[in-house]
Each structure stands twice: as structure tokens, then as C-alpha cells.
Amino acid sequence: MFPAFSLHYARLPERFFERFDPVPVKAPELVAFNRPLAEELGFDIEAFDAGQAAAWFSGNSVPPGAEPLAMAYAGHQFGNFVPRLGDGRAVLLGEVTDRHGRLRDLHLKGAGRTPFSRGGDGRAPLGPVLREYLVSEAMHALGIPTTRALAAVTTGERVVRRVPEPGGVVTRVASSHIRVGTFQYFAARGDIEGVRELADHVIERHFPELSERPEGERYLGLLEAVQARQAALVARWMGVGFIHGVMNTDNTAVSGETIDFGPCAFMEAYDPRTVFSSIDEGRRYAYGNQPGIIQWNLARFAETLLPLIDTEQERAVERATQVIEAYPDQYGAEWLAVMRAKLGLAKHEEGDSELADSLLEALQAGRADFTLSFRLLADVAESAEARPALFELFERSEPLEAWLEQWQARLVREDAEPPTIAARMRAVNPLYIPRNHKVEEALSAAYEGDFAPFEALREVLARPFEEQPGRESYTLPAEPSEQVFRTFCGT
């Protein structure tokens, strides 16, 4: 059933990881399996056996050809550097080549106490496992680069966090699980050769076009390439109201994929100060702070590459600084591209950024739902009769009224028919997102053994841009009694 493994990371020097077999669980049961992704990865679906899959995806049985390991990395956690983190409850089974010729990691999360666990139990509660499954697959459906979920398993065991909870294991898939923190691990030890080997591995795997450059230019190019991907990624997060929650450097993947769906959430009423993570008391990773935090993380990445960029430190710092200082313009261009698409603007005009900012100010003043506001704007672009439904989302509509006049005057200059503009807006503005209260409903039911709400939500989120008759409740913001103000990471 399993595709053949190719072991790239496991062939790096032994100091890059600790070999570790997953710790078996009591009674594994497969509760979710992503068949389309499995087919894409080359699994033999006709030979699928739920019992064997449960054993493999729980860690009770190591798939043939796999060499499980826990990856070493460090990281800045809420601004504080920890020189040794690593996979404390996760194992990399190895890589497979998918049907498109792309190398993909298979990674078990919740697989038991590893040498990096630092006193933790190495397990994952079922709630965060299912949250990661739902949200990562929703991000994929939204067109945002992300790790993906292949399977979720219950363990038949309880784990204790705030209270005893059912345990679970999620199998996630990524183009790699290498982080900014992985580079920091070697840099903190003065292991320049380790940084170089890691950088060469990343270039070969993710940025092969850099391999022909001279050495110093190659590593400066790596910094530029990772920065470009991160700028584009965070702009897309901002475009759907996604709040990561723990943007530590150990959760910043150099591949440019969204990784680690612990206390993440999607914003409803627009407010840049929005935070859901129970551990982010200082609002470091609030929605509006995310673009700046990524620049900070990229600066930490640049520091690890300095000895490779130039042997003369002052010159290396100068060259790396020039890259990092270019980030605001890069991110600004990516964000504006996202906002132009959301507003139905195919042409570029000088005042478009101010137009987008003014709408966000109106959303904040009116405490309007971020997702539905943009979706209903598509209806307004097509017909003025849709205005009342849009205004119902706003507690204060005066700023919106003034803004609408500017926007519609701008649309006239698009030289496109209203239905055409509306259609392209609906193609990028989702109707369905993983609303926090719907996610919590699904998780609560799963804790009681009822996975029907989880399956229903998973099915809805797979088609975020299409109207799905009968599923209108999934589009609605939480009622006051349903609101979720805090999310938890599961460790």
C-alpha cells in the first residue's frame, strides 16, 4: 500500500537528527484518511486496509523502507531563543516522490516521547490533531501553500493537558519540514559546516536554480528566495483573515509552506489586534503583526547564513541587510496583489493600496465579518440590489457608504462587465472558512465518538468558493453564545 521511500534527510550527518521509532499506542483506529492526497502520493488505494493503515499512521508499525527520526532544530519562541528544541512528539518517516515528481515528507505528529521531548509526554490530544487536519486541508483548498493532512488516528489512550483527553496522531505531508530554527540549531553551535550542508540540502530540494551560482551568491540567493516565499505566504494569510498563533522561528518553514496548526484561527469581525492563542498574552502574533514578525524571523535566518554569504563579516552583514530591508516592498507588492484580486481589480492604479486600506478601516469601524464582507462585495459588484445584505454586516455603515462610491468609480475603469468582475471576485473570496465555533463543534462531538460533524465540516471546507445549498449555517459568524476566544496548541 505504501509508496517507496527515498531517504534524503536521513542521509545527512547524524547530528541533524536522532533516530527514533514511534512509541506504540494501545488501540489505534483510523478516523480520517485523505484518499485524494494518498493517490497523489502514490499509495496503492486498491490495497487499502484500514487496520494496517491505523497501525502505520499511529506508529505501531513502521512502514517498509522508512527510517524514522526526530529532526533537530532550535528556535526563537515568543522572541526568546531556545538553542535545542527538535521534534519532541513527531517523527519523520522519510520522503516519497509523488505522481508529479515532487519529493514529499511523511511526518507523524503525536508519536511519543523523543530525545527532544524535554520532559513532555510526546503525545497529542485528539482535538489539536483534528484541528490540524481540518485547517491544513482548508488552507490547501483556499490555494495557500501548506503542509497537508494524510490521516488522523485515535490511540485508545488519554493524554492530560488541562483535563484528560482522548489521544490522537496526525500524519502530515510537506515538501519538507526544515525550518528557520533548523538553521539556528547549527549556527548556535558555531557549526558552520552544518549550516552549509543544510543550506545545500535546501537548495537542492527547493531552489535547484541556485545551485549553479558562485558560492557566496548562492547562499545570498537562498535568503532572497526564502524571503520571497514568506512574503507571498503571509500576504495570502492576511487575505483570508488567518491568524497562525505561534509564528516562532521553529514554525517558519523555509519551503514557504504554512506549518504547525496549533492555536491558529480565522478572524471574524475585522480587527488587526485579534489574537486567539491562549499563550500569546502580549499579542506578539496578532493578525496585524504577522507581516512584521516574518521579517524579524527572516532576519534571524539571515544571521545563520552570514559566514556563507561572505568570509568578511562586515560585508556579509551589509549584503544580508540589503535583502532584509527589501522585505517591506516585497510584502507590500504581494499584499496589494491579493487585495486587488479580492476587490475585482485586474488593472493597476496608483491609489489601489489606499482604496484597500480604506475598506479595512471601514470593516474595523463597523465590526464587520471579514470573510462575508468581501464575498458580498462580489454581489454588490454585480448588482446594487445586494447592498442591503452587505450593510447588515456592519454595526456602523457610514464609512462603508463613502468607500463604496470610490470603489464603484474604480470598477468603471476596469473595462469589464459587472458579472465578469463578480465572478473573478467569487473565485478568490471564500464563502466557507474554518469558523472557530464550527471547528469546536466538530471537535467536541469527536471527543464523544461522533465524527459526523467533523466529516461534514471537512466536506464543506474542500470547496470554499462554491455555494453549497443547504449549508448556509457554515457561512455565518458565531452567535455571542458560540464565540471562541481562546485556542490551544495541544502541548
Protein backbone atom coordinates (compact mmCIF):
# COMPACT_ATOMS: atom_id res chain seq x y z
CA MET A 1 0.00 0.00 0.00
CA PHE A 2 2.79 2.45 0.92
CA PRO A 3 4.78 4.09 -1.89
CA ALA A 4 8.53 3.55 -1.91
CA PHE A 5 10.52 5.73 0.47
CA SER A 6 13.57 7.73 -0.54
CA LEU A 7 15.65 8.78 2.42
CA HIS A 8 17.19 12.20 1.79
CA TYR A 9 17.14 13.83 5.22
CA ALA A 10 18.15 10.57 6.90
CA ARG A 11 21.34 10.56 4.80
CA LEU A 12 22.50 13.88 6.23
CA PRO A 13 25.05 13.68 9.07
CA GLU A 14 23.82 12.05 12.29
CA ARG A 15 23.94 15.36 14.22
CA PHE A 16 20.96 16.58 12.16
CA PHE A 17 18.54 14.27 13.96
CA GLU A 18 18.02 11.48 16.49
CA ARG A 19 16.89 8.11 15.22
CA PHE A 20 13.66 7.22 16.95
CA ASP A 21 10.96 4.63 16.45
CA PRO A 22 7.42 5.78 17.27
CA VAL A 23 6.06 4.57 20.61
CA PRO A 24 3.15 2.13 20.07
CA VAL A 25 -0.30 3.11 21.32
CA LYS A 26 -2.98 0.99 22.96
CA ALA A 27 -5.76 0.74 20.38
CA PRO A 28 -5.22 2.71 17.16
CA GLU A 29 -8.25 3.45 15.00
CA LEU A 30 -8.20 5.33 11.70
CA VAL A 31 -10.78 8.14 11.88
CA ALA A 32 -9.80 10.18 8.81
CA PHE A 33 -7.92 9.28 5.64
CA ASN A 34 -7.26 11.67 2.77
CA ARG A 35 -7.72 9.42 -0.26
CA PRO A 36 -7.11 12.08 -2.95
CA LEU A 37 -3.83 13.06 -1.29
CA ALA A 38 -2.88 9.39 -0.83
CA GLU A 39 -3.43 8.77 -4.55
CA GLU A 40 -1.34 11.83 -5.37
CA LEU A 41 1.46 10.46 -3.18
CA GLY A 42 1.40 7.11 -4.97
CA PHE A 43 -0.38 4.95 -2.40
CA ASP A 44 -1.99 1.77 -3.72
CA ILE A 45 -5.58 2.60 -2.79
CA GLU A 46 -6.92 -0.73 -4.08
CA ALA A 47 -4.78 -2.47 -1.45
CA PHE A 48 -6.02 -0.16 1.30
CA ASP A 49 -6.59 -1.90 4.63
CA ALA A 50 -7.95 0.24 7.49
CA GLY A 51 -6.38 -1.89 10.21
CA GLN A 52 -2.94 -1.83 8.64
CA ALA A 53 -3.29 1.91 7.93
CA ALA A 54 -4.18 2.53 11.59
CA ALA A 55 -1.03 0.67 12.65
CA TRP A 56 1.17 2.65 10.25
CA PHE A 57 -0.35 6.06 10.91
CA SER A 58 -0.26 5.62 14.70
CA GLY A 59 3.35 4.48 14.77
CA ASN A 60 2.53 0.96 15.95
CA SER A 61 4.13 -0.39 12.79
CA VAL A 62 6.93 1.21 10.78
CA PRO A 63 6.15 1.19 7.03
CA PRO A 64 8.57 -0.80 4.88
CA GLY A 65 11.54 1.30 3.80
CA ALA A 66 11.02 4.04 6.40
CA GLU A 67 13.79 5.10 8.80
CA PRO A 68 12.01 7.15 11.48
CA LEU A 69 13.86 10.07 13.03
CA ALA A 70 13.25 13.15 15.13
CA MET A 71 14.62 16.30 13.47
CA ALA A 72 16.91 18.64 15.42
CA TYR A 73 16.18 22.36 15.48
CA ALA A 74 16.31 25.40 17.71
CA GLY A 75 14.11 28.50 17.65
CA HIS A 76 13.02 31.85 18.94
CA GLN A 77 9.81 31.22 20.87
CA PHE A 78 7.92 34.48 21.50
CA GLY A 79 11.22 36.29 20.98
CA ASN A 80 13.26 34.12 23.37
CA PHE A 81 15.94 31.88 21.89
CA VAL A 82 15.95 28.20 22.83
CA PRO A 83 19.09 26.51 21.42
CA ARG A 84 17.68 22.95 21.46
CA LEU A 85 14.07 22.16 20.59
CA GLY A 86 13.63 19.49 17.93
CA ASP A 87 10.76 17.12 17.24
CA GLY A 88 9.51 16.49 20.75
CA ARG A 89 6.48 14.46 19.68
CA ALA A 90 6.95 13.92 15.98
CA VAL A 91 8.91 11.65 13.66
CA LEU A 92 9.87 11.95 10.02
CA LEU A 93 9.27 8.57 8.37
CA GLY A 94 11.06 9.63 5.19
CA GLU A 95 10.27 11.09 1.79
CA VAL A 96 8.23 9.77 -1.12
CA THR A 97 8.09 11.02 -4.70
CA ASP A 98 4.54 11.89 -5.66
CA ARG A 99 2.89 11.36 -9.04
CA HIS A 100 4.07 14.82 -10.16
CA GLY A 101 7.71 14.01 -9.41
CA ARG A 102 7.82 16.13 -6.24
CA LEU A 103 9.58 14.98 -3.09
CA ARG A 104 7.21 14.98 -0.07
CA ASP A 105 7.86 14.32 3.63
CA LEU A 106 5.65 11.96 5.64
CA HIS A 107 5.63 13.01 9.28
CA LEU A 108 3.78 11.57 12.29
CA LYS A 109 2.80 14.08 14.98
CA GLY A 110 1.93 12.70 18.42
CA ALA A 111 4.15 9.64 18.01
CA GLY A 112 5.64 9.53 21.52
CA ARG A 113 8.45 10.90 23.65
CA THR A 114 11.59 11.54 21.61
CA PRO A 115 15.09 12.57 22.73
CA PHE A 116 13.92 16.18 22.17
CA SER A 117 10.79 15.97 24.34
CA ARG A 118 12.30 17.90 27.30
CA GLY A 119 10.04 16.19 29.83
CA GLY A 120 6.90 16.18 27.65
CA ASP A 121 4.81 13.10 27.03
CA GLY A 122 5.29 13.17 23.25
CA ARG A 123 1.58 12.76 22.65
CA ALA A 124 -1.14 14.86 21.05
CA PRO A 125 -4.75 15.29 22.16
CA LEU A 126 -7.36 14.38 19.58
CA GLY A 127 -8.66 17.97 19.36
CA PRO A 128 -5.46 19.55 18.01
CA VAL A 129 -4.97 16.55 15.70
CA LEU A 130 -8.38 17.08 14.11
CA ARG A 131 -7.93 20.88 14.08
CA GLU A 132 -4.69 20.47 12.13
CA TYR A 133 -6.40 18.08 9.73
CA LEU A 134 -9.34 20.45 9.10
CA VAL A 135 -7.41 23.72 8.90
CA SER A 136 -4.44 22.48 6.86
CA GLU A 137 -6.76 20.93 4.28
CA ALA A 138 -8.88 24.09 4.27
CA MET A 139 -5.76 26.14 3.58
CA HIS A 140 -4.92 23.86 0.67
CA ALA A 141 -8.42 24.30 -0.76
CA LEU A 142 -8.00 28.07 -0.40
CA GLY A 143 -4.87 27.87 -2.56
CA ILE A 144 -2.44 28.75 0.24
CA PRO A 145 0.89 26.84 0.48
CA THR A 146 0.61 24.49 3.44
CA THR A 147 1.52 21.21 4.99
CA ARG A 148 -1.32 18.77 4.43
CA ALA A 149 -3.08 16.05 6.42
CA LEU A 150 -2.97 12.48 5.18
CA ALA A 151 -4.51 10.66 8.13
CA ALA A 152 -5.78 11.01 11.69
CA VAL A 153 -5.82 8.17 14.20
CA THR A 154 -7.24 7.83 17.70
CA THR A 155 -4.94 6.00 20.09
CA GLY A 156 -7.28 4.44 22.67
CA GLU A 157 -5.30 6.31 25.33
CA ARG A 158 -5.85 9.50 27.31
CA VAL A 159 -3.44 12.43 27.44
CA VAL A 160 -3.56 15.05 30.15
CA ARG A 161 -3.48 18.75 29.31
CA ARG A 162 -5.99 20.95 31.11
CA VAL A 163 -8.07 17.80 31.62
CA PRO A 164 -7.68 14.18 30.43
CA GLU A 165 -8.47 14.00 26.71
CA PRO A 166 -8.51 11.30 24.03
CA GLY A 167 -5.19 10.94 22.25
CA GLY A 168 -4.53 11.12 18.53
CA VAL A 169 -1.83 11.08 15.87
CA VAL A 170 -1.91 13.11 12.65
CA THR A 171 0.17 12.26 9.58
CA ARG A 172 1.18 15.42 7.79
CA VAL A 173 2.75 15.89 4.39
CA ALA A 174 5.10 18.70 3.35
CA SER A 175 7.67 19.45 0.70
CA SER A 176 9.96 19.47 3.76
CA HIS A 177 9.84 20.18 7.48
CA ILE A 178 13.05 22.25 7.53
CA ARG A 179 12.60 25.48 9.47
CA VAL A 180 14.47 28.70 10.16
CA GLY A 181 15.06 27.10 13.55
CA THR A 182 16.86 24.19 11.89
CA PHE A 183 19.49 26.62 10.62
CA GLN A 184 19.61 28.29 14.04
CA TYR A 185 20.38 24.95 15.68
CA PHE A 186 23.72 24.66 13.87
CA ALA A 187 24.54 28.37 13.90
CA ALA A 188 24.11 28.49 17.68
CA ARG A 189 26.76 25.76 17.99
CA GLY A 190 29.19 27.51 15.70
CA ASP A 191 28.78 24.59 13.30
CA ILE A 192 29.30 26.49 10.05
CA GLU A 193 29.77 23.27 8.11
CA GLY A 194 26.41 22.06 9.41
CA VAL A 195 24.75 25.27 8.21
CA ARG A 196 26.43 24.81 4.83
CA GLU A 197 25.30 21.17 4.48
CA LEU A 198 21.77 22.14 5.46
CA ALA A 199 21.74 25.08 3.04
CA ASP A 200 22.98 22.87 0.20
CA HIS A 201 20.29 20.32 1.02
CA VAL A 202 17.59 23.01 0.95
CA ILE A 203 18.89 24.46 -2.32
CA GLU A 204 18.94 21.04 -3.98
CA ARG A 205 15.44 20.25 -2.70
CA HIS A 206 13.59 23.58 -3.02
CA PHE A 207 15.67 26.02 -5.08
CA PRO A 208 17.75 24.00 -7.58
CA GLU A 209 18.04 27.04 -9.84
CA LEU A 210 20.53 28.48 -7.30
CA SER A 211 22.95 25.57 -7.49
CA GLU A 212 24.89 26.96 -10.45
CA ARG A 213 25.64 30.28 -8.76
CA PRO A 214 29.05 31.06 -7.20
CA GLU A 215 29.14 30.07 -3.53
CA GLY A 216 28.50 33.43 -1.83
CA GLU A 217 25.85 34.37 -4.37
CA ARG A 218 24.21 31.00 -3.91
CA TYR A 219 23.58 31.49 -0.20
CA LEU A 220 22.53 35.10 -0.60
CA GLY A 221 20.14 33.83 -3.25
CA LEU A 222 18.80 31.31 -0.73
CA LEU A 223 17.96 34.14 1.65
CA GLU A 224 16.26 36.06 -1.16
CA ALA A 225 14.28 33.02 -2.28
CA VAL A 226 13.06 32.09 1.20
CA GLN A 227 12.12 35.73 1.84
CA ALA A 228 10.12 35.91 -1.40
CA ARG A 229 8.14 32.81 -0.47
CA GLN A 230 7.44 34.03 3.05
CA ALA A 231 6.30 37.44 1.84
CA ALA A 232 3.85 35.78 -0.55
CA LEU A 233 2.68 33.29 2.08
CA VAL A 234 1.87 35.84 4.77
CA ALA A 235 0.12 38.11 2.26
CA ARG A 236 -2.17 35.18 1.47
CA TRP A 237 -2.79 34.55 5.18
CA MET A 238 -3.79 38.17 5.54
CA GLY A 239 -6.13 37.84 2.57
CA VAL A 240 -8.26 35.19 4.30
CA GLY A 241 -8.04 36.51 7.87
CA PHE A 242 -5.84 33.63 9.05
CA ILE A 243 -4.01 34.02 12.36
CA HIS A 244 -1.22 31.49 12.81
CA GLY A 245 -0.87 31.98 16.54
CA VAL A 246 2.73 30.79 17.08
CA MET A 247 4.99 32.36 14.47
CA ASN A 248 8.16 31.26 16.21
CA THR A 249 11.23 30.69 14.04
CA ASP A 250 10.84 26.94 14.61
CA ASN A 251 7.41 27.23 12.96
CA THR A 252 8.70 29.10 9.89
CA ALA A 253 9.30 26.60 7.09
CA VAL A 254 11.95 27.58 4.55
CA SER A 255 9.83 25.93 1.84
CA GLY A 256 7.26 28.72 2.24
CA GLU A 257 4.51 26.41 3.49
CA THR A 258 2.20 27.05 6.43
CA ILE A 259 3.33 24.72 9.21
CA ASP A 260 2.02 23.95 12.71
CA PHE A 261 -1.71 24.49 13.20
CA GLY A 262 -1.78 24.66 16.99
CA PRO A 263 -3.66 27.72 18.29
CA CYS A 264 -4.49 29.02 14.81
CA ALA A 265 -7.86 30.57 13.96
CA PHE A 266 -9.69 32.63 11.35
CA MET A 267 -10.77 36.14 12.23
CA GLU A 268 -14.45 37.05 12.02
CA ALA A 269 -15.04 40.72 12.98
CA TYR A 270 -12.13 42.58 11.42
CA ASP A 271 -9.59 43.89 13.93
CA PRO A 272 -5.81 43.83 13.34
CA ARG A 273 -5.28 43.29 17.09
CA THR A 274 -7.08 39.94 17.05
CA VAL A 275 -5.39 37.10 18.94
CA PHE A 276 -6.79 33.69 19.80
CA SER A 277 -3.77 31.80 21.16
CA SER A 278 -4.05 31.19 24.90
CA ILE A 279 -0.27 31.57 25.26
CA ASP A 280 0.10 34.86 23.34
CA GLU A 281 -0.65 37.17 26.26
CA GLY A 282 1.36 40.05 24.78
CA ARG A 283 -0.32 39.86 21.34
CA ARG A 284 3.05 39.35 19.69
CA TYR A 285 1.47 37.26 16.95
CA ALA A 286 -1.75 39.22 16.49
CA TYR A 287 -3.21 39.27 12.98
CA GLY A 288 -1.83 42.72 12.14
CA ASN A 289 1.65 41.88 13.44
CA GLN A 290 2.21 38.86 11.20
CA PRO A 291 3.91 40.66 8.27
CA GLY A 292 6.43 42.31 10.59
CA ILE A 293 7.08 39.13 12.55
CA ILE A 294 8.03 37.27 9.40
CA GLN A 295 10.58 39.97 8.60
CA TRP A 296 12.00 39.52 12.13
CA ASN A 297 12.19 35.76 11.59
CA LEU A 298 13.88 36.26 8.23
CA ALA A 299 16.49 38.46 9.89
CA ARG A 300 17.26 35.56 12.25
CA PHE A 301 17.58 33.29 9.20
CA ALA A 302 19.95 35.79 7.58
CA GLU A 303 22.16 35.71 10.67
CA THR A 304 22.70 31.97 10.29
CA LEU A 305 23.85 32.40 6.68
CA LEU A 306 26.34 35.23 7.23
CA PRO A 307 29.50 33.04 7.24
CA LEU A 308 28.37 31.50 3.94
CA ILE A 309 27.43 34.77 2.24
CA ASP A 310 30.88 36.31 2.67
CA THR A 311 34.01 35.45 4.65
CA GLU A 312 34.35 39.11 5.61
CA GLN A 313 31.68 39.61 8.26
CA GLU A 314 31.01 43.31 7.72
CA ARG A 315 30.45 42.74 4.01
CA ALA A 316 28.21 39.73 4.73
CA VAL A 317 26.10 41.79 7.14
CA GLU A 318 25.77 44.60 4.61
CA ARG A 319 24.63 42.25 1.84
CA ALA A 320 22.16 40.36 4.03
CA THR A 321 20.79 43.61 5.44
CA GLN A 322 20.04 44.86 1.94
CA VAL A 323 17.90 41.76 1.37
CA ILE A 324 16.01 42.08 4.65
CA GLU A 325 15.41 45.79 4.10
CA ALA A 326 13.78 44.97 0.76
CA TYR A 327 11.12 42.90 2.53
CA PRO A 328 8.54 45.67 3.19
CA ASP A 329 8.32 46.47 -0.52
CA GLN A 330 8.16 42.77 -1.40
CA TYR A 331 5.42 42.09 1.10
CA GLY A 332 3.58 45.27 0.10
CA ALA A 333 3.51 44.16 -3.52
CA GLU A 334 2.26 40.69 -2.58
CA TRP A 335 -0.41 42.09 -0.25
CA LEU A 336 -1.59 44.58 -2.87
CA ALA A 337 -1.87 41.79 -5.46
CA VAL A 338 -4.04 39.81 -3.03
CA MET A 339 -6.22 42.83 -2.27
CA ARG A 340 -6.61 43.85 -5.90
CA ALA A 341 -7.89 40.35 -6.69
CA LYS A 342 -10.28 40.43 -3.73
CA LEU A 343 -11.65 43.78 -4.90
CA GLY A 344 -12.06 42.68 -8.53
CA LEU A 345 -9.27 44.89 -9.86
CA ALA A 346 -7.31 43.48 -12.79
CA LYS A 347 -5.76 46.81 -13.78
CA HIS A 348 -3.17 48.56 -11.62
CA GLU A 349 -3.76 52.12 -10.48
CA GLU A 350 -1.71 54.20 -8.08
CA GLY A 351 -4.46 54.65 -5.49
CA ASP A 352 -5.34 50.96 -5.14
CA SER A 353 -3.42 50.47 -1.89
CA GLU A 354 -5.21 53.39 -0.26
CA LEU A 355 -8.53 52.04 -1.52
CA ALA A 356 -7.85 48.67 0.13
CA ASP A 357 -6.73 50.31 3.38
CA SER A 358 -9.87 52.42 3.48
CA LEU A 359 -12.05 49.34 3.20
CA LEU A 360 -10.23 47.69 6.09
CA GLU A 361 -10.78 50.82 8.17
CA ALA A 362 -14.49 50.66 7.35
CA LEU A 363 -14.60 46.98 8.30
CA GLN A 364 -12.96 47.70 11.64
CA ALA A 365 -15.23 50.67 12.36
CA GLY A 366 -18.28 48.56 11.57
CA ARG A 367 -17.03 45.38 13.30
CA ALA A 368 -17.99 43.57 10.12
CA ASP A 369 -17.21 39.94 9.33
CA PHE A 370 -14.07 39.86 7.19
CA THR A 371 -14.95 36.85 5.03
CA LEU A 372 -18.61 37.66 4.33
CA SER A 373 -17.88 41.33 3.66
CA PHE A 374 -15.60 40.51 0.75
CA ARG A 375 -17.91 37.80 -0.51
CA LEU A 376 -20.93 40.13 -0.51
CA LEU A 377 -18.89 42.80 -2.25
CA ALA A 378 -18.90 40.47 -5.26
CA ASP A 379 -22.70 40.57 -5.21
CA VAL A 380 -22.63 44.38 -4.98
CA ALA A 381 -20.23 44.50 -7.95
CA GLU A 382 -22.88 42.66 -9.95
CA SER A 383 -26.00 44.44 -8.67
CA ALA A 384 -26.84 47.39 -6.43
CA GLU A 385 -29.69 45.30 -5.04
CA ALA A 386 -27.12 43.39 -2.95
CA ARG A 387 -26.19 46.47 -0.90
CA PRO A 388 -28.68 45.91 1.96
CA ALA A 389 -27.27 42.43 2.70
CA LEU A 390 -23.75 43.90 2.89
CA PHE A 391 -24.84 46.75 5.16
CA GLU A 392 -26.43 44.26 7.57
CA LEU A 393 -22.93 43.04 8.46
CA PHE A 394 -21.91 46.47 9.77
CA GLU A 395 -22.68 47.99 13.16
CA ARG A 396 -21.72 51.36 11.63
CA SER A 397 -22.17 51.70 7.87
CA GLU A 398 -21.26 55.35 7.23
CA PRO A 399 -17.57 54.65 6.41
CA LEU A 400 -18.65 51.84 4.09
CA GLU A 401 -21.09 54.05 2.18
CA ALA A 402 -18.36 56.58 1.37
CA TRP A 403 -15.96 53.81 0.41
CA LEU A 404 -18.42 52.09 -1.92
CA GLU A 405 -18.68 55.21 -4.06
CA GLN A 406 -14.89 55.26 -4.54
CA TRP A 407 -14.72 51.55 -5.28
CA GLN A 408 -17.51 51.53 -7.81
CA ALA A 409 -15.99 54.51 -9.61
CA ARG A 410 -12.77 52.49 -9.72
CA LEU A 411 -14.59 49.45 -11.14
CA VAL A 412 -15.90 51.54 -14.04
CA ARG A 413 -12.31 51.97 -15.18
CA GLU A 414 -11.81 48.18 -15.31
CA ASP A 415 -13.46 47.93 -18.74
CA ALA A 416 -15.17 44.69 -17.70
CA GLU A 417 -18.82 43.79 -17.33
CA PRO A 418 -20.20 43.54 -13.76
CA PRO A 419 -20.84 39.75 -13.98
CA THR A 420 -17.23 39.22 -15.07
CA ILE A 421 -15.89 41.27 -12.16
CA ALA A 422 -18.19 39.49 -9.72
CA ALA A 423 -17.14 36.07 -10.98
CA ARG A 424 -13.44 36.74 -10.56
CA MET A 425 -14.10 38.12 -7.06
CA ARG A 426 -16.01 34.97 -6.07
CA ALA A 427 -13.09 32.89 -7.33
CA VAL A 428 -10.77 34.39 -4.69
CA ASN A 429 -13.11 35.40 -1.85
CA PRO A 430 -14.22 32.26 0.00
CA LEU A 431 -17.73 31.68 1.26
CA TYR A 432 -16.61 28.96 3.68
CA ILE A 433 -13.70 29.12 6.13
CA PRO A 434 -12.98 27.01 9.24
CA ARG A 435 -15.01 29.21 11.58
CA ASN A 436 -13.84 28.65 15.13
CA HIS A 437 -17.21 27.68 16.57
CA LYS A 438 -17.81 25.14 13.80
CA VAL A 439 -14.37 23.63 14.37
CA GLU A 440 -15.03 23.40 18.11
CA GLU A 441 -18.42 21.80 17.50
CA ALA A 442 -16.76 19.14 15.37
CA LEU A 443 -14.01 18.52 17.94
CA SER A 444 -16.44 18.31 20.86
CA ALA A 445 -18.55 15.74 19.02
CA ALA A 446 -15.44 13.73 18.10
CA TYR A 447 -14.47 13.59 21.78
CA GLU A 448 -17.76 11.76 22.33
CA GLY A 449 -17.08 9.39 19.44
CA ASP A 450 -19.27 11.18 16.88
CA PHE A 451 -17.22 12.09 13.80
CA ALA A 452 -20.18 13.09 11.61
CA PRO A 453 -19.76 16.86 12.29
CA PHE A 454 -16.03 16.56 11.53
CA GLU A 455 -16.75 14.82 8.22
CA ALA A 456 -19.44 17.33 7.29
CA LEU A 457 -17.14 20.27 8.00
CA ARG A 458 -14.29 18.64 6.12
CA GLU A 459 -16.53 18.21 3.09
CA VAL A 460 -17.72 21.84 3.20
CA LEU A 461 -14.20 23.23 3.51
CA ALA A 462 -12.98 21.25 0.49
CA ARG A 463 -14.98 23.65 -1.78
CA PRO A 464 -14.58 27.06 -0.13
CA PHE A 465 -15.50 29.21 -3.14
CA GLU A 466 -18.62 27.34 -4.30
CA GLU A 467 -22.11 27.93 -2.98
CA GLN A 468 -23.31 24.74 -1.30
CA PRO A 469 -27.11 24.75 -0.91
CA GLY A 470 -28.29 23.61 2.49
CA ARG A 471 -25.02 24.52 4.18
CA GLU A 472 -25.72 28.18 4.82
CA SER A 473 -25.05 27.77 8.56
CA TYR A 474 -21.37 27.16 7.77
CA THR A 475 -21.07 30.66 6.30
CA LEU A 476 -22.33 32.51 9.38
CA PRO A 477 -20.24 34.15 12.10
CA ALA A 478 -20.62 32.82 15.61
CA GLU A 479 -23.53 33.96 17.73
CA PRO A 480 -22.45 35.57 21.04
CA SER A 481 -23.02 32.27 22.87
CA GLU A 482 -20.91 30.38 20.31
CA GLN A 483 -17.86 32.62 20.17
CA VAL A 484 -14.45 31.05 20.75
CA PHE A 485 -11.92 33.47 22.19
CA ARG A 486 -9.03 31.14 23.00
CA THR A 487 -7.34 28.29 21.15
CA PHE A 488 -4.74 25.86 22.49
CA CYS A 489 -1.70 24.22 20.92
CA GLY A 490 -2.03 20.76 22.45
CA THR A 491 1.38 20.59 24.16
